[in-house]
Amino acid sequence: MSLWWIIKRLLPFVRPYRPIVIATLLLTLVGSLAAQVNPFVLHYTVDTVQSLLDRNLGLSADWNMLA
């Protein structure tokens, strides 16, 4: 029993739901791409906070970065 055999057997049952399946796959792709943005934002935030700490700036300087 191969994967293609299973897909061929399931295809008649999935065919009526084709738009939902396609939308689900597209939203999964968008979600996975959006999840890749998080490390870039985190990298920028950590570097900015570290540079503020290196310059001995207090919480008042941090509010500009958070806003």
N, C-alpha and C. Protein backbone atom coordinates (compact mmCIF):
# COMPACT_ATOMS: atom_id res chain seq x y z
N MET A 1 0.84 -1.16 0.00
CA MET A 1 0.00 0.00 0.00
C MET A 1 0.90 1.24 0.00
N SER A 2 0.82 2.02 -1.07
CA SER A 2 1.67 3.20 -1.18
C SER A 2 0.86 4.46 -0.86
N LEU A 3 1.58 5.53 -0.72
CA LEU A 3 0.95 6.81 -0.42
C LEU A 3 0.04 7.25 -1.56
N TRP A 4 0.48 7.06 -2.80
CA TRP A 4 -0.34 7.46 -3.95
C TRP A 4 -1.63 6.64 -4.03
N TRP A 5 -1.57 5.39 -3.64
CA TRP A 5 -2.77 4.55 -3.64
C TRP A 5 -3.79 5.09 -2.63
N ILE A 6 -3.30 5.49 -1.46
CA ILE A 6 -4.18 6.04 -0.43
C ILE A 6 -4.80 7.36 -0.92
N ILE A 7 -3.99 8.21 -1.55
CA ILE A 7 -4.49 9.48 -2.06
C ILE A 7 -5.56 9.25 -3.12
N LYS A 8 -5.34 8.31 -4.03
CA LYS A 8 -6.32 8.01 -5.06
C LYS A 8 -7.64 7.51 -4.45
N ARG A 9 -7.54 6.75 -3.38
CA ARG A 9 -8.75 6.24 -2.73
C ARG A 9 -9.50 7.34 -2.00
N LEU A 10 -8.79 8.33 -1.46
CA LEU A 10 -9.43 9.40 -0.71
C LEU A 10 -9.94 10.53 -1.58
N LEU A 11 -9.42 10.65 -2.78
CA LEU A 11 -9.75 11.77 -3.67
C LEU A 11 -11.25 11.94 -3.91
N PRO A 12 -12.03 10.90 -4.15
CA PRO A 12 -13.47 11.12 -4.36
C PRO A 12 -14.18 11.71 -3.15
N PHE A 13 -13.70 11.42 -1.96
CA PHE A 13 -14.33 11.95 -0.76
C PHE A 13 -13.92 13.39 -0.48
N VAL A 14 -12.74 13.77 -0.94
CA VAL A 14 -12.21 15.11 -0.68
C VAL A 14 -12.64 16.09 -1.77
N ARG A 15 -12.94 15.61 -2.94
CA ARG A 15 -13.25 16.47 -4.08
C ARG A 15 -14.35 17.50 -3.80
N PRO A 16 -15.45 17.17 -3.11
CA PRO A 16 -16.47 18.20 -2.84
C PRO A 16 -15.96 19.34 -1.94
N TYR A 17 -14.91 19.07 -1.19
CA TYR A 17 -14.37 20.06 -0.26
C TYR A 17 -13.10 20.72 -0.80
N ARG A 18 -12.91 20.68 -2.10
CA ARG A 18 -11.69 21.20 -2.72
C ARG A 18 -11.40 22.65 -2.35
N PRO A 19 -12.39 23.57 -2.40
CA PRO A 19 -12.07 24.97 -2.02
C PRO A 19 -11.60 25.10 -0.57
N ILE A 20 -12.20 24.33 0.32
CA ILE A 20 -11.80 24.39 1.72
C ILE A 20 -10.38 23.85 1.89
N VAL A 21 -10.07 22.78 1.20
CA VAL A 21 -8.73 22.19 1.30
C VAL A 21 -7.68 23.15 0.75
N ILE A 22 -7.97 23.78 -0.38
CA ILE A 22 -7.03 24.74 -0.96
C ILE A 22 -6.86 25.94 -0.05
N ALA A 23 -7.96 26.46 0.50
CA ALA A 23 -7.87 27.60 1.42
C ALA A 23 -7.07 27.24 2.67
N THR A 24 -7.26 26.03 3.17
CA THR A 24 -6.51 25.59 4.34
C THR A 24 -5.02 25.51 4.05
N LEU A 25 -4.67 24.97 2.90
CA LEU A 25 -3.25 24.88 2.53
C LEU A 25 -2.64 26.26 2.34
N LEU A 26 -3.38 27.17 1.72
CA LEU A 26 -2.86 28.54 1.53
C LEU A 26 -2.70 29.26 2.86
N LEU A 27 -3.67 29.12 3.75
CA LEU A 27 -3.55 29.76 5.06
C LEU A 27 -2.42 29.14 5.89
N THR A 28 -2.19 27.86 5.72
CA THR A 28 -1.06 27.22 6.40
C THR A 28 0.26 27.79 5.88
N LEU A 29 0.34 28.01 4.57
CA LEU A 29 1.54 28.60 3.99
C LEU A 29 1.75 30.02 4.49
N VAL A 30 0.68 30.82 4.53
CA VAL A 30 0.78 32.19 5.03
C VAL A 30 1.20 32.20 6.50
N GLY A 31 0.64 31.30 7.29
CA GLY A 31 1.00 31.21 8.70
C GLY A 31 2.44 30.82 8.92
N SER A 32 2.93 29.90 8.12
CA SER A 32 4.33 29.50 8.27
C SER A 32 5.28 30.61 7.84
N LEU A 33 4.90 31.37 6.82
CA LEU A 33 5.73 32.51 6.42
C LEU A 33 5.70 33.62 7.48
N ALA A 34 4.53 33.83 8.07
CA ALA A 34 4.42 34.85 9.13
C ALA A 34 5.22 34.44 10.36
N ALA A 35 5.33 33.17 10.62
CA ALA A 35 6.10 32.70 11.77
C ALA A 35 7.59 32.96 11.58
N GLN A 36 8.03 33.09 10.33
CA GLN A 36 9.45 33.37 10.07
C GLN A 36 9.81 34.82 10.34
N VAL A 37 8.81 35.69 10.46
CA VAL A 37 9.07 37.11 10.72
C VAL A 37 9.47 37.31 12.17
N ASN A 38 8.97 36.49 13.07
CA ASN A 38 9.22 36.64 14.50
C ASN A 38 10.71 36.70 14.85
N PRO A 39 11.59 35.84 14.33
CA PRO A 39 13.00 35.94 14.69
C PRO A 39 13.63 37.27 14.27
N PHE A 40 13.22 37.84 13.16
CA PHE A 40 13.78 39.12 12.73
C PHE A 40 13.38 40.25 13.68
N VAL A 41 12.12 40.25 14.10
CA VAL A 41 11.65 41.26 15.05
C VAL A 41 12.34 41.08 16.40
N LEU A 42 12.48 39.86 16.83
CA LEU A 42 13.14 39.59 18.10
C LEU A 42 14.61 40.00 18.06
N HIS A 43 15.27 39.76 16.95
CA HIS A 43 16.68 40.15 16.78
C HIS A 43 16.81 41.67 16.88
N TYR A 44 15.94 42.41 16.22
CA TYR A 44 15.97 43.87 16.28
C TYR A 44 15.71 44.36 17.70
N THR A 45 14.74 43.77 18.38
CA THR A 45 14.39 44.19 19.73
C THR A 45 15.53 43.93 20.70
N VAL A 46 16.11 42.76 20.65
CA VAL A 46 17.21 42.42 21.56
C VAL A 46 18.41 43.33 21.31
N ASP A 47 18.75 43.57 20.05
CA ASP A 47 19.88 44.45 19.75
C ASP A 47 19.62 45.88 20.23
N THR A 48 18.40 46.36 20.07
CA THR A 48 18.08 47.72 20.51
C THR A 48 18.14 47.84 22.03
N VAL A 49 17.58 46.87 22.73
CA VAL A 49 17.62 46.90 24.19
C VAL A 49 19.06 46.79 24.68
N GLN A 50 19.85 45.95 24.05
CA GLN A 50 21.24 45.79 24.47
C GLN A 50 22.04 47.07 24.24
N SER A 51 21.78 47.76 23.14
CA SER A 51 22.50 49.02 22.89
C SER A 51 22.09 50.09 23.91
N LEU A 52 20.82 50.09 24.32
CA LEU A 52 20.38 51.03 25.36
C LEU A 52 21.04 50.70 26.70
N LEU A 53 21.15 49.41 27.00
CA LEU A 53 21.80 49.03 28.25
C LEU A 53 23.30 49.34 28.23
N ASP A 54 23.93 49.20 27.08
CA ASP A 54 25.35 49.51 26.96
C ASP A 54 25.62 50.99 27.18
N ARG A 55 24.67 51.83 26.81
CA ARG A 55 24.83 53.28 26.97
C ARG A 55 24.31 53.78 28.31
N ASN A 56 23.92 52.85 29.19
CA ASN A 56 23.40 53.17 30.53
C ASN A 56 22.19 54.09 30.48
N LEU A 57 21.34 53.90 29.49
CA LEU A 57 20.10 54.66 29.42
C LEU A 57 19.03 53.93 30.21
N GLY A 58 18.18 54.68 30.86
CA GLY A 58 17.17 54.08 31.72
C GLY A 58 15.90 53.73 30.98
N LEU A 59 14.85 53.59 31.75
CA LEU A 59 13.55 53.19 31.21
C LEU A 59 12.95 54.26 30.32
N SER A 60 13.29 55.51 30.53
CA SER A 60 12.72 56.58 29.71
C SER A 60 13.12 56.43 28.24
N ALA A 61 14.31 55.95 27.96
CA ALA A 61 14.73 55.73 26.58
C ALA A 61 14.07 54.49 25.99
N ASP A 62 13.72 53.55 26.84
CA ASP A 62 13.09 52.31 26.36
C ASP A 62 11.67 52.54 25.87
N TRP A 63 10.99 53.52 26.40
CA TRP A 63 9.60 53.76 26.00
C TRP A 63 9.50 54.13 24.54
N ASN A 64 10.49 54.83 23.99
CA ASN A 64 10.45 55.18 22.57
C ASN A 64 10.54 53.92 21.70
N MET A 65 11.35 52.98 22.12
CA MET A 65 11.48 51.75 21.34
C MET A 65 10.20 50.92 21.44
N LEU A 66 9.58 50.87 22.59
CA LEU A 66 8.36 50.08 22.75
C LEU A 66 7.18 50.68 22.00
N ALA A 67 7.16 52.00 21.90
CA ALA A 67 6.05 52.64 21.21
C ALA A 67 6.21 52.42 19.73
